[in-house]
Amino acid sequence: MKEHKFGMEYINKIAKNISDNTIVPYEDLPRYDLFLSQVTDYLNDKFQGEKYTNNIVQNYIKNEVISKPEDGKKRGYTKVHLTQLILLSYMRPILTTEEIKKVFRLAFNEINDGEDDIISWEKAYKIFSDLHNNSLDDLMSKEHFNEQKFQDMVKDMDLKSDDEERIGIFFVVMSLICQASAIKKLVQNIVNNYEGK
């Protein structure tokens, strides 16, 4: 097993790799309509650590979080459904099902009526992709990820040299947790308190 040097350079490299490789470009989504089993296989492949089942997707449809498949078609799941489910996959760790519905209603009104959409799902997905691709870069370039700041915190503790790296990584992780927690609370507050027309 290759040993890694867990400094800020390595963490920035991980962040860049995640930013570059985690979201599928819209053009690379399947062009042909899919069976439900193909949809769940696709999502489970792209979102490792998640376990999508037919029941989970059907519950999102039943609860009107995502749109219904096209009537009478065996392959009733379109690129729009994949787009909805991928966006939902990013929201699931942060928002409740009801909060996700509220977010989708901001841009798409009634989920099963494509005629009242304010923007297209394609446009929403492409904008999300651009935001996503830049988010980790922006996060890692913030002043609070100054490598010298973390090194100074560790040095002030007068630790054994073997422990310095571990404690430095501990502080990086705790800093990210603080940010994730604050961002989650901010997102939930915005979603739950925004009063549309």
N, C-alpha and C. Protein backbone atom coordinates (compact mmCIF):
# COMPACT_ATOMS: atom_id res chain seq x y z
N MET A 1 0.84 -1.19 0.00
CA MET A 1 0.00 0.00 0.00
C MET A 1 0.88 1.25 0.00
N LYS A 2 0.56 2.17 -0.86
CA LYS A 2 1.36 3.38 -0.98
C LYS A 2 1.05 4.33 0.17
N GLU A 3 2.09 4.86 0.77
CA GLU A 3 1.92 5.80 1.88
C GLU A 3 1.75 7.20 1.31
N HIS A 4 0.81 7.95 1.87
CA HIS A 4 0.53 9.31 1.42
C HIS A 4 1.00 10.30 2.47
N LYS A 5 1.45 11.45 2.01
CA LYS A 5 1.77 12.56 2.91
C LYS A 5 0.52 13.41 2.99
N PHE A 6 -0.12 13.41 4.16
CA PHE A 6 -1.38 14.11 4.33
C PHE A 6 -1.16 15.57 4.69
N GLY A 7 -0.61 16.33 3.78
CA GLY A 7 -0.50 17.76 3.97
C GLY A 7 -1.60 18.45 3.18
N MET A 8 -1.62 19.77 3.22
CA MET A 8 -2.63 20.53 2.50
C MET A 8 -2.52 20.30 0.99
N GLU A 9 -1.31 20.07 0.51
CA GLU A 9 -1.14 19.80 -0.93
C GLU A 9 -1.91 18.53 -1.32
N TYR A 10 -1.81 17.50 -0.48
CA TYR A 10 -2.50 16.25 -0.75
C TYR A 10 -4.02 16.44 -0.64
N ILE A 11 -4.47 17.18 0.37
CA ILE A 11 -5.90 17.43 0.54
C ILE A 11 -6.45 18.24 -0.63
N ASN A 12 -5.70 19.23 -1.08
CA ASN A 12 -6.13 19.99 -2.26
C ASN A 12 -6.21 19.11 -3.50
N LYS A 13 -5.28 18.18 -3.62
CA LYS A 13 -5.30 17.24 -4.75
C LYS A 13 -6.54 16.36 -4.70
N ILE A 14 -6.90 15.88 -3.50
CA ILE A 14 -8.12 15.07 -3.34
C ILE A 14 -9.34 15.91 -3.72
N ALA A 15 -9.41 17.14 -3.22
CA ALA A 15 -10.54 18.02 -3.51
C ALA A 15 -10.67 18.27 -5.01
N LYS A 16 -9.55 18.50 -5.68
CA LYS A 16 -9.57 18.72 -7.12
C LYS A 16 -10.07 17.48 -7.85
N ASN A 17 -9.61 16.30 -7.44
CA ASN A 17 -10.04 15.06 -8.06
C ASN A 17 -11.54 14.84 -7.86
N ILE A 18 -12.04 15.10 -6.65
CA ILE A 18 -13.48 14.96 -6.38
C ILE A 18 -14.26 15.94 -7.24
N SER A 19 -13.79 17.17 -7.29
CA SER A 19 -14.47 18.21 -8.07
C SER A 19 -14.53 17.85 -9.55
N ASP A 20 -13.45 17.28 -10.06
CA ASP A 20 -13.38 16.96 -11.49
C ASP A 20 -14.14 15.70 -11.87
N ASN A 21 -14.35 14.78 -10.93
CA ASN A 21 -14.83 13.45 -11.32
C ASN A 21 -16.14 12.99 -10.69
N THR A 22 -16.85 13.83 -9.97
CA THR A 22 -18.01 13.30 -9.28
C THR A 22 -19.33 13.52 -9.99
N ILE A 23 -19.44 14.49 -10.84
CA ILE A 23 -20.73 14.71 -11.49
C ILE A 23 -20.62 14.39 -12.99
N VAL A 24 -21.59 13.67 -13.47
CA VAL A 24 -21.62 13.26 -14.87
C VAL A 24 -22.12 14.44 -15.71
N PRO A 25 -21.37 14.84 -16.73
CA PRO A 25 -21.86 15.92 -17.60
C PRO A 25 -23.22 15.53 -18.22
N TYR A 26 -24.07 16.51 -18.41
CA TYR A 26 -25.41 16.25 -18.94
C TYR A 26 -25.35 15.48 -20.26
N GLU A 27 -24.41 15.84 -21.08
CA GLU A 27 -24.29 15.19 -22.39
C GLU A 27 -23.94 13.70 -22.27
N ASP A 28 -23.35 13.31 -21.14
CA ASP A 28 -22.95 11.91 -20.95
C ASP A 28 -24.02 11.06 -20.28
N LEU A 29 -25.13 11.68 -19.88
CA LEU A 29 -26.23 10.88 -19.34
C LEU A 29 -26.81 10.02 -20.46
N PRO A 30 -27.37 8.86 -20.13
CA PRO A 30 -27.93 7.99 -21.18
C PRO A 30 -28.96 8.74 -22.03
N ARG A 31 -28.85 8.54 -23.34
CA ARG A 31 -29.74 9.23 -24.28
C ARG A 31 -31.07 8.51 -24.46
N TYR A 32 -31.09 7.23 -24.15
CA TYR A 32 -32.28 6.42 -24.39
C TYR A 32 -33.06 6.23 -23.10
N ASP A 33 -34.36 6.09 -23.24
CA ASP A 33 -35.19 5.85 -22.06
C ASP A 33 -34.82 4.52 -21.43
N LEU A 34 -34.98 4.44 -20.11
CA LEU A 34 -34.52 3.29 -19.35
C LEU A 34 -35.66 2.60 -18.61
N PHE A 35 -35.45 1.31 -18.32
CA PHE A 35 -36.30 0.59 -17.38
C PHE A 35 -35.94 1.05 -15.98
N LEU A 36 -36.83 0.86 -15.02
CA LEU A 36 -36.57 1.25 -13.65
C LEU A 36 -35.31 0.57 -13.10
N SER A 37 -35.14 -0.70 -13.40
CA SER A 37 -33.95 -1.42 -12.91
C SER A 37 -32.66 -0.82 -13.48
N GLN A 38 -32.71 -0.33 -14.70
CA GLN A 38 -31.54 0.31 -15.29
C GLN A 38 -31.25 1.65 -14.60
N VAL A 39 -32.30 2.35 -14.20
CA VAL A 39 -32.14 3.61 -13.49
C VAL A 39 -31.45 3.38 -12.15
N THR A 40 -31.93 2.38 -11.39
CA THR A 40 -31.32 2.12 -10.08
C THR A 40 -29.90 1.63 -10.23
N ASP A 41 -29.63 0.79 -11.23
CA ASP A 41 -28.26 0.34 -11.47
C ASP A 41 -27.35 1.52 -11.78
N TYR A 42 -27.82 2.43 -12.61
CA TYR A 42 -27.04 3.61 -13.00
C TYR A 42 -26.73 4.46 -11.77
N LEU A 43 -27.74 4.73 -10.95
CA LEU A 43 -27.54 5.56 -9.76
C LEU A 43 -26.60 4.90 -8.76
N ASN A 44 -26.76 3.60 -8.55
CA ASN A 44 -25.89 2.89 -7.61
C ASN A 44 -24.45 2.87 -8.10
N ASP A 45 -24.26 2.85 -9.41
CA ASP A 45 -22.92 2.89 -9.97
C ASP A 45 -22.29 4.27 -9.79
N LYS A 46 -23.07 5.31 -10.00
CA LYS A 46 -22.54 6.67 -9.93
C LYS A 46 -22.44 7.21 -8.51
N PHE A 47 -23.28 6.73 -7.61
CA PHE A 47 -23.28 7.21 -6.23
C PHE A 47 -22.92 6.05 -5.31
N GLN A 48 -21.64 5.73 -5.30
CA GLN A 48 -21.18 4.63 -4.47
C GLN A 48 -21.45 4.96 -3.00
N GLY A 49 -21.85 3.96 -2.27
CA GLY A 49 -22.20 4.17 -0.88
C GLY A 49 -23.69 4.38 -0.69
N GLU A 50 -24.40 4.67 -1.77
CA GLU A 50 -25.86 4.80 -1.72
C GLU A 50 -26.44 3.47 -2.17
N LYS A 51 -27.65 3.20 -1.78
CA LYS A 51 -28.31 1.98 -2.24
C LYS A 51 -29.71 2.34 -2.73
N TYR A 52 -29.80 2.61 -4.01
CA TYR A 52 -31.10 2.88 -4.61
C TYR A 52 -31.77 1.56 -4.94
N THR A 53 -33.06 1.49 -4.67
CA THR A 53 -33.86 0.33 -5.03
C THR A 53 -35.05 0.82 -5.86
N ASN A 54 -35.74 -0.11 -6.50
CA ASN A 54 -36.94 0.26 -7.24
C ASN A 54 -37.95 0.92 -6.31
N ASN A 55 -38.08 0.39 -5.07
CA ASN A 55 -39.04 0.95 -4.11
C ASN A 55 -38.70 2.39 -3.75
N ILE A 56 -37.42 2.70 -3.57
CA ILE A 56 -37.03 4.07 -3.22
C ILE A 56 -37.44 5.03 -4.33
N VAL A 57 -37.13 4.67 -5.58
CA VAL A 57 -37.48 5.54 -6.71
C VAL A 57 -39.00 5.65 -6.82
N GLN A 58 -39.72 4.54 -6.68
CA GLN A 58 -41.18 4.58 -6.76
C GLN A 58 -41.79 5.42 -5.65
N ASN A 59 -41.19 5.40 -4.46
CA ASN A 59 -41.68 6.25 -3.37
C ASN A 59 -41.47 7.73 -3.69
N TYR A 60 -40.35 8.07 -4.31
CA TYR A 60 -40.15 9.46 -4.72
C TYR A 60 -41.19 9.88 -5.75
N ILE A 61 -41.58 8.96 -6.61
CA ILE A 61 -42.62 9.26 -7.61
C ILE A 61 -43.97 9.41 -6.91
N LYS A 62 -44.30 8.46 -6.04
CA LYS A 62 -45.59 8.47 -5.33
C LYS A 62 -45.74 9.73 -4.49
N ASN A 63 -44.64 10.17 -3.87
CA ASN A 63 -44.68 11.38 -3.04
C ASN A 63 -44.48 12.66 -3.84
N GLU A 64 -44.45 12.53 -5.16
CA GLU A 64 -44.31 13.66 -6.08
C GLU A 64 -43.07 14.49 -5.83
N VAL A 65 -41.96 13.79 -5.52
CA VAL A 65 -40.66 14.45 -5.42
C VAL A 65 -40.06 14.52 -6.82
N ILE A 66 -40.21 13.44 -7.58
CA ILE A 66 -39.80 13.41 -8.99
C ILE A 66 -41.02 13.08 -9.83
N SER A 67 -40.92 13.32 -11.13
CA SER A 67 -42.08 13.13 -12.01
C SER A 67 -42.33 11.66 -12.32
N LYS A 68 -43.57 11.39 -12.69
CA LYS A 68 -43.98 10.03 -13.04
C LYS A 68 -43.32 9.62 -14.35
N PRO A 69 -43.08 8.31 -14.51
CA PRO A 69 -42.56 7.84 -15.81
C PRO A 69 -43.64 8.02 -16.87
N GLU A 70 -43.22 7.99 -18.11
CA GLU A 70 -44.16 8.17 -19.21
C GLU A 70 -45.14 7.02 -19.25
N ASP A 71 -46.42 7.35 -19.32
CA ASP A 71 -47.49 6.35 -19.30
C ASP A 71 -47.37 5.35 -20.45
N GLY A 72 -47.57 4.09 -20.08
CA GLY A 72 -47.65 3.04 -21.09
C GLY A 72 -46.34 2.65 -21.73
N LYS A 73 -45.24 3.20 -21.29
CA LYS A 73 -43.94 2.84 -21.88
C LYS A 73 -43.18 1.97 -20.90
N LYS A 74 -42.69 0.84 -21.40
CA LYS A 74 -41.87 -0.02 -20.55
C LYS A 74 -40.60 0.72 -20.12
N ARG A 75 -40.02 1.40 -21.08
CA ARG A 75 -38.84 2.21 -20.79
C ARG A 75 -39.30 3.65 -20.56
N GLY A 76 -39.96 3.87 -19.45
CA GLY A 76 -40.59 5.16 -19.20
C GLY A 76 -39.74 6.18 -18.48
N TYR A 77 -38.47 5.83 -18.18
CA TYR A 77 -37.61 6.74 -17.44
C TYR A 77 -36.66 7.44 -18.39
N THR A 78 -36.82 8.75 -18.47
CA THR A 78 -36.08 9.56 -19.44
C THR A 78 -34.87 10.22 -18.79
N LYS A 79 -34.19 11.01 -19.60
CA LYS A 79 -33.05 11.79 -19.13
C LYS A 79 -33.50 12.77 -18.04
N VAL A 80 -34.72 13.24 -18.14
CA VAL A 80 -35.26 14.15 -17.12
C VAL A 80 -35.33 13.44 -15.77
N HIS A 81 -35.79 12.18 -15.77
CA HIS A 81 -35.85 11.43 -14.51
C HIS A 81 -34.46 11.25 -13.90
N LEU A 82 -33.49 10.92 -14.74
CA LEU A 82 -32.12 10.78 -14.24
C LEU A 82 -31.61 12.10 -13.67
N THR A 83 -31.91 13.18 -14.37
CA THR A 83 -31.51 14.50 -13.89
C THR A 83 -32.13 14.78 -12.52
N GLN A 84 -33.42 14.52 -12.40
CA GLN A 84 -34.10 14.74 -11.13
C GLN A 84 -33.47 13.90 -10.01
N LEU A 85 -33.22 12.63 -10.31
CA LEU A 85 -32.68 11.72 -9.30
C LEU A 85 -31.23 12.06 -8.92
N ILE A 86 -30.45 12.52 -9.88
CA ILE A 86 -29.08 12.90 -9.56
C ILE A 86 -29.07 14.15 -8.68
N LEU A 87 -29.87 15.15 -9.04
CA LEU A 87 -29.95 16.35 -8.20
C LEU A 87 -30.45 15.98 -6.80
N LEU A 88 -31.45 15.11 -6.75
CA LEU A 88 -31.99 14.64 -5.48
C LEU A 88 -30.90 13.94 -4.66
N SER A 89 -30.05 13.18 -5.33
CA SER A 89 -28.98 12.45 -4.63
C SER A 89 -28.03 13.39 -3.90
N TYR A 90 -27.78 14.54 -4.47
CA TYR A 90 -26.92 15.52 -3.81
C TYR A 90 -27.65 16.21 -2.65
N MET A 91 -28.97 16.31 -2.75
CA MET A 91 -29.74 16.99 -1.70
C MET A 91 -30.08 16.07 -0.53
N ARG A 92 -30.18 14.77 -0.78
CA ARG A 92 -30.63 13.82 0.25
C ARG A 92 -29.86 13.89 1.56
N PRO A 93 -28.54 14.04 1.54
CA PRO A 93 -27.85 14.10 2.83
C PRO A 93 -28.10 15.40 3.61
N ILE A 94 -28.65 16.39 2.95
CA ILE A 94 -28.79 17.71 3.56
C ILE A 94 -30.24 18.04 3.89
N LEU A 95 -31.14 17.67 3.01
CA LEU A 95 -32.53 18.08 3.14
C LEU A 95 -33.48 16.90 3.34
N THR A 96 -34.61 17.16 3.97
CA THR A 96 -35.66 16.16 4.08
C THR A 96 -36.37 16.05 2.73
N THR A 97 -37.21 15.03 2.59
CA THR A 97 -37.98 14.86 1.35
C THR A 97 -38.86 16.08 1.10
N GLU A 98 -39.51 16.58 2.13
CA GLU A 98 -40.37 17.76 1.96
C GLU A 98 -39.56 18.98 1.54
N GLU A 99 -38.38 19.14 2.10
CA GLU A 99 -37.52 20.27 1.73
C GLU A 99 -37.05 20.14 0.29
N ILE A 100 -36.75 18.93 -0.16
CA ILE A 100 -36.35 18.72 -1.56
C ILE A 100 -37.50 19.10 -2.48
N LYS A 101 -38.72 18.71 -2.12
CA LYS A 101 -39.89 19.08 -2.92
C LYS A 101 -40.00 20.60 -3.03
N LYS A 102 -39.77 21.31 -1.92
CA LYS A 102 -39.83 22.77 -1.94
C LYS A 102 -38.78 23.36 -2.88
N VAL A 103 -37.57 22.79 -2.84
CA VAL A 103 -36.51 23.28 -3.73
C VAL A 103 -36.90 23.07 -5.18
N PHE A 104 -37.36 21.89 -5.52
CA PHE A 104 -37.78 21.62 -6.90
C PHE A 104 -38.93 22.53 -7.33
N ARG A 105 -39.86 22.83 -6.42
CA ARG A 105 -41.00 23.70 -6.76
C ARG A 105 -40.54 25.12 -7.09
N LEU A 106 -39.40 25.55 -6.55
CA LEU A 106 -38.91 26.89 -6.85
C LEU A 106 -38.69 27.06 -8.36
N ALA A 107 -38.21 26.03 -9.02
CA ALA A 107 -37.88 26.14 -10.45
C ALA A 107 -38.86 25.41 -11.36
N PHE A 108 -39.59 24.44 -10.80
CA PHE A 108 -40.39 23.57 -11.66
C PHE A 108 -41.87 23.49 -11.29
N ASN A 109 -42.30 24.28 -10.31
CA ASN A 109 -43.70 24.30 -9.88
C ASN A 109 -44.24 22.90 -9.64
N GLU A 110 -45.25 22.48 -10.39
CA GLU A 110 -45.86 21.15 -10.24
C GLU A 110 -44.96 20.12 -10.92
N ILE A 111 -44.48 19.14 -10.16
CA ILE A 111 -43.47 18.20 -10.65
C ILE A 111 -43.95 17.38 -11.84
N ASN A 112 -45.24 17.09 -11.92
CA ASN A 112 -45.75 16.25 -13.01
C ASN A 112 -46.31 17.05 -14.18
N ASP A 113 -46.06 18.37 -14.19
CA ASP A 113 -46.52 19.23 -15.27
C ASP A 113 -45.34 20.00 -15.83
N GLY A 114 -44.72 19.46 -16.87
CA GLY A 114 -43.55 20.09 -17.47
C GLY A 114 -43.83 21.42 -18.12
N GLU A 115 -45.11 21.71 -18.36
CA GLU A 115 -45.48 22.96 -19.02
C GLU A 115 -45.29 24.17 -18.11
N ASP A 116 -45.30 23.97 -16.79
CA ASP A 116 -45.19 25.11 -15.89
C ASP A 116 -43.78 25.31 -15.33
N ASP A 117 -42.81 24.58 -15.88
CA ASP A 117 -41.43 24.73 -15.44
C ASP A 117 -40.92 26.13 -15.77
N ILE A 118 -40.22 26.73 -14.84
CA ILE A 118 -39.65 28.06 -15.07
C ILE A 118 -38.37 27.94 -15.90
N ILE A 119 -37.56 26.93 -15.59
CA ILE A 119 -36.39 26.61 -16.40
C ILE A 119 -36.45 25.12 -16.73
N SER A 120 -35.63 24.69 -17.67
CA SER A 120 -35.62 23.27 -18.03
C SER A 120 -34.76 22.48 -17.04
N TRP A 121 -35.02 21.19 -16.96
CA TRP A 121 -34.20 20.32 -16.12
C TRP A 121 -32.77 20.28 -16.65
N GLU A 122 -32.63 20.34 -17.96
CA GLU A 122 -31.29 20.35 -18.55
C GLU A 122 -30.51 21.57 -18.08
N LYS A 123 -31.14 22.74 -18.12
CA LYS A 123 -30.49 23.98 -17.69
C LYS A 123 -30.14 23.91 -16.21
N ALA A 124 -31.07 23.42 -15.40
CA ALA A 124 -30.82 23.30 -13.96
C ALA A 124 -29.63 22.37 -13.69
N TYR A 125 -29.59 21.27 -14.40
CA TYR A 125 -28.51 20.29 -14.20
C TYR A 125 -27.17 20.87 -14.61
N LYS A 126 -27.14 21.54 -15.76
CA LYS A 126 -25.88 22.12 -16.24
C LYS A 126 -25.37 23.22 -15.30
N ILE A 127 -26.27 24.04 -14.77
CA ILE A 127 -25.85 25.07 -13.82
C ILE A 127 -25.35 24.42 -12.53
N PHE A 128 -26.07 23.39 -12.05
CA PHE A 128 -25.63 22.68 -10.86
C PHE A 128 -24.24 22.06 -11.09
N SER A 129 -24.02 21.49 -12.26
CA SER A 129 -22.72 20.88 -12.59
C SER A 129 -21.61 21.91 -12.51
N ASP A 130 -21.85 23.09 -13.08
CA ASP A 130 -20.84 24.16 -13.04
C ASP A 130 -20.57 24.58 -11.60
N LEU A 131 -21.64 24.77 -10.83
CA LEU A 131 -21.47 25.14 -9.42
C LEU A 131 -20.72 24.07 -8.66
N HIS A 132 -21.09 22.83 -8.90
CA HIS A 132 -20.46 21.70 -8.21
C HIS A 132 -18.97 21.62 -8.54
N ASN A 133 -18.64 21.76 -9.81
CA ASN A 133 -17.25 21.64 -10.23
C ASN A 133 -16.36 22.71 -9.63
N ASN A 134 -16.94 23.85 -9.30
CA ASN A 134 -16.15 24.94 -8.73
C ASN A 134 -16.21 25.00 -7.20
N SER A 135 -17.16 24.28 -6.59
CA SER A 135 -17.39 24.45 -5.15
C SER A 135 -16.22 24.00 -4.30
N LEU A 136 -15.62 22.86 -4.58
CA LEU A 136 -14.49 22.42 -3.77
C LEU A 136 -13.26 23.29 -4.00
N ASP A 137 -13.07 23.72 -5.24
CA ASP A 137 -11.96 24.64 -5.51
C ASP A 137 -12.12 25.91 -4.69
N ASP A 138 -13.34 26.45 -4.69
CA ASP A 138 -13.61 27.67 -3.93
C ASP A 138 -13.40 27.43 -2.44
N LEU A 139 -13.90 26.31 -1.96
CA LEU A 139 -13.78 25.99 -0.54
C LEU A 139 -12.32 25.87 -0.12
N MET A 140 -11.54 25.15 -0.89
CA MET A 140 -10.15 24.91 -0.52
C MET A 140 -9.29 26.16 -0.68
N SER A 141 -9.75 27.14 -1.44
CA SER A 141 -8.95 28.36 -1.62
C SER A 141 -9.25 29.40 -0.55
N LYS A 142 -10.23 29.14 0.30
CA LYS A 142 -10.59 30.09 1.36
C LYS A 142 -9.43 30.26 2.34
N GLU A 143 -9.41 31.40 2.97
CA GLU A 143 -8.33 31.73 3.91
C GLU A 143 -8.24 30.74 5.07
N HIS A 144 -9.38 30.19 5.52
CA HIS A 144 -9.33 29.30 6.67
C HIS A 144 -8.70 27.95 6.32
N PHE A 145 -8.37 27.72 5.06
CA PHE A 145 -7.63 26.52 4.69
C PHE A 145 -6.16 26.84 4.41
N ASN A 146 -5.70 27.88 5.04
CA ASN A 146 -4.31 28.27 4.94
C ASN A 146 -3.46 27.22 5.66
N GLU A 147 -2.57 26.58 4.91
CA GLU A 147 -1.75 25.50 5.48
C GLU A 147 -0.93 25.99 6.66
N GLN A 148 -0.44 27.21 6.58
CA GLN A 148 0.38 27.75 7.67
C GLN A 148 -0.43 27.86 8.96
N LYS A 149 -1.70 28.23 8.83
CA LYS A 149 -2.57 28.35 10.01
C LYS A 149 -2.67 27.00 10.73
N PHE A 150 -2.88 25.91 9.98
CA PHE A 150 -2.98 24.59 10.60
C PHE A 150 -1.64 24.16 11.19
N GLN A 151 -0.56 24.46 10.49
CA GLN A 151 0.76 24.11 11.01
C GLN A 151 1.05 24.85 12.32
N ASP A 152 0.68 26.13 12.38
CA ASP A 152 0.91 26.92 13.59
C ASP A 152 0.08 26.37 14.76
N MET A 153 -1.16 25.97 14.49
CA MET A 153 -2.00 25.41 15.55
C MET A 153 -1.36 24.15 16.13
N VAL A 154 -0.83 23.31 15.26
CA VAL A 154 -0.21 22.05 15.70
C VAL A 154 1.09 22.32 16.45
N LYS A 155 1.89 23.22 15.93
CA LYS A 155 3.19 23.53 16.56
C LYS A 155 3.00 24.07 17.97
N ASP A 156 1.95 24.88 18.18
CA ASP A 156 1.68 25.45 19.50
C ASP A 156 1.35 24.39 20.55
N MET A 157 1.08 23.18 20.12
CA MET A 157 0.68 22.12 21.06
C MET A 157 1.86 21.30 21.56
N ASP A 158 3.02 21.52 21.00
CA ASP A 158 4.21 20.81 21.44
C ASP A 158 3.99 19.29 21.45
N LEU A 159 3.60 18.78 20.27
CA LEU A 159 3.31 17.35 20.13
C LEU A 159 4.54 16.59 19.64
N LYS A 160 4.50 15.27 19.78
CA LYS A 160 5.53 14.43 19.18
C LYS A 160 5.39 14.56 17.67
N SER A 161 6.50 14.47 16.96
CA SER A 161 6.46 14.66 15.51
C SER A 161 5.54 13.64 14.83
N ASP A 162 5.45 12.42 15.38
CA ASP A 162 4.56 11.41 14.80
C ASP A 162 3.09 11.81 14.89
N ASP A 163 2.76 12.63 15.87
CA ASP A 163 1.36 12.99 16.10
C ASP A 163 0.96 14.29 15.38
N GLU A 164 1.93 15.07 14.94
CA GLU A 164 1.61 16.36 14.34
C GLU A 164 0.71 16.23 13.12
N GLU A 165 1.04 15.32 12.22
CA GLU A 165 0.25 15.14 11.01
C GLU A 165 -1.18 14.71 11.35
N ARG A 166 -1.31 13.77 12.27
CA ARG A 166 -2.64 13.27 12.66
C ARG A 166 -3.50 14.40 13.22
N ILE A 167 -2.92 15.21 14.08
CA ILE A 167 -3.68 16.29 14.69
C ILE A 167 -3.99 17.38 13.64
N GLY A 168 -3.08 17.62 12.74
CA GLY A 168 -3.34 18.57 11.64
C GLY A 168 -4.53 18.12 10.80
N ILE A 169 -4.57 16.84 10.45
CA ILE A 169 -5.69 16.29 9.68
C ILE A 169 -6.98 16.37 10.50
N PHE A 170 -6.88 16.10 11.80
CA PHE A 170 -8.04 16.22 12.68
C PHE A 170 -8.63 17.63 12.58
N PHE A 171 -7.78 18.66 12.62
CA PHE A 171 -8.26 20.03 12.53
C PHE A 171 -8.87 20.34 11.16
N VAL A 172 -8.29 19.82 10.09
CA VAL A 172 -8.85 20.02 8.76
C VAL A 172 -10.25 19.40 8.70
N VAL A 173 -10.37 18.16 9.18
CA VAL A 173 -11.66 17.48 9.16
C VAL A 173 -12.68 18.23 10.01
N MET A 174 -12.29 18.66 11.19
CA MET A 174 -13.21 19.39 12.05
C MET A 174 -13.63 20.72 11.42
N SER A 175 -12.72 21.37 10.72
CA SER A 175 -13.05 22.61 10.04
C SER A 175 -14.08 22.35 8.94
N LEU A 176 -13.89 21.27 8.18
CA LEU A 176 -14.85 20.92 7.13
C LEU A 176 -16.21 20.56 7.73
N ILE A 177 -16.21 19.85 8.85
CA ILE A 177 -17.48 19.50 9.52
C ILE A 177 -18.20 20.75 9.98
N CYS A 178 -17.47 21.71 10.54
CA CYS A 178 -18.08 22.97 10.95
C CYS A 178 -18.75 23.67 9.77
N GLN A 179 -18.03 23.71 8.65
CA GLN A 179 -18.58 24.36 7.46
C GLN A 179 -19.79 23.61 6.94
N ALA A 180 -19.69 22.28 6.87
CA ALA A 180 -20.81 21.48 6.36
C ALA A 180 -22.04 21.67 7.24
N SER A 181 -21.84 21.68 8.53
CA SER A 181 -22.95 21.87 9.46
C SER A 181 -23.58 23.25 9.29
N ALA A 182 -22.75 24.26 9.20
CA ALA A 182 -23.26 25.63 9.03
C ALA A 182 -23.99 25.77 7.70
N ILE A 183 -23.43 25.20 6.65
CA ILE A 183 -24.06 25.29 5.33
C ILE A 183 -25.39 24.54 5.33
N LYS A 184 -25.43 23.35 5.95
CA LYS A 184 -26.67 22.58 6.02
C LYS A 184 -27.76 23.39 6.73
N LYS A 185 -27.42 24.00 7.86
CA LYS A 185 -28.41 24.80 8.60
C LYS A 185 -28.87 26.00 7.78
N LEU A 186 -27.95 26.63 7.08
CA LEU A 186 -28.30 27.78 6.25
C LEU A 186 -29.24 27.35 5.13
N VAL A 187 -28.92 26.25 4.45
CA VAL A 187 -29.77 25.75 3.35
C VAL A 187 -31.16 25.43 3.88
N GLN A 188 -31.25 24.70 4.98
CA GLN A 188 -32.55 24.33 5.53
C GLN A 188 -33.34 25.57 5.92
N ASN A 189 -32.69 26.56 6.50
CA ASN A 189 -33.37 27.79 6.89
C ASN A 189 -33.93 28.51 5.67
N ILE A 190 -33.13 28.61 4.62
CA ILE A 190 -33.59 29.29 3.39
C ILE A 190 -34.78 28.56 2.79
N VAL A 191 -34.66 27.23 2.66
CA VAL A 191 -35.73 26.44 2.05
C VAL A 191 -37.00 26.51 2.88
N ASN A 192 -36.88 26.41 4.18
CA ASN A 192 -38.07 26.38 5.03
C ASN A 192 -38.70 27.75 5.26
N ASN A 193 -37.95 28.80 5.03
CA ASN A 193 -38.51 30.13 5.30
C ASN A 193 -38.79 30.97 4.05
N TYR A 194 -38.41 30.47 2.88
CA TYR A 194 -38.71 31.22 1.66
C TYR A 194 -40.18 31.10 1.37
N GLU A 195 -40.82 32.23 1.22
CA GLU A 195 -42.24 32.25 0.89
C GLU A 195 -42.39 32.76 -0.53
N GLY A 196 -42.68 31.85 -1.44
CA GLY A 196 -42.89 32.23 -2.84
C GLY A 196 -44.21 32.97 -3.01
N LYS A 197 -44.50 33.30 -4.23
CA LYS A 197 -45.74 34.03 -4.51
C LYS A 197 -46.95 33.23 -4.11
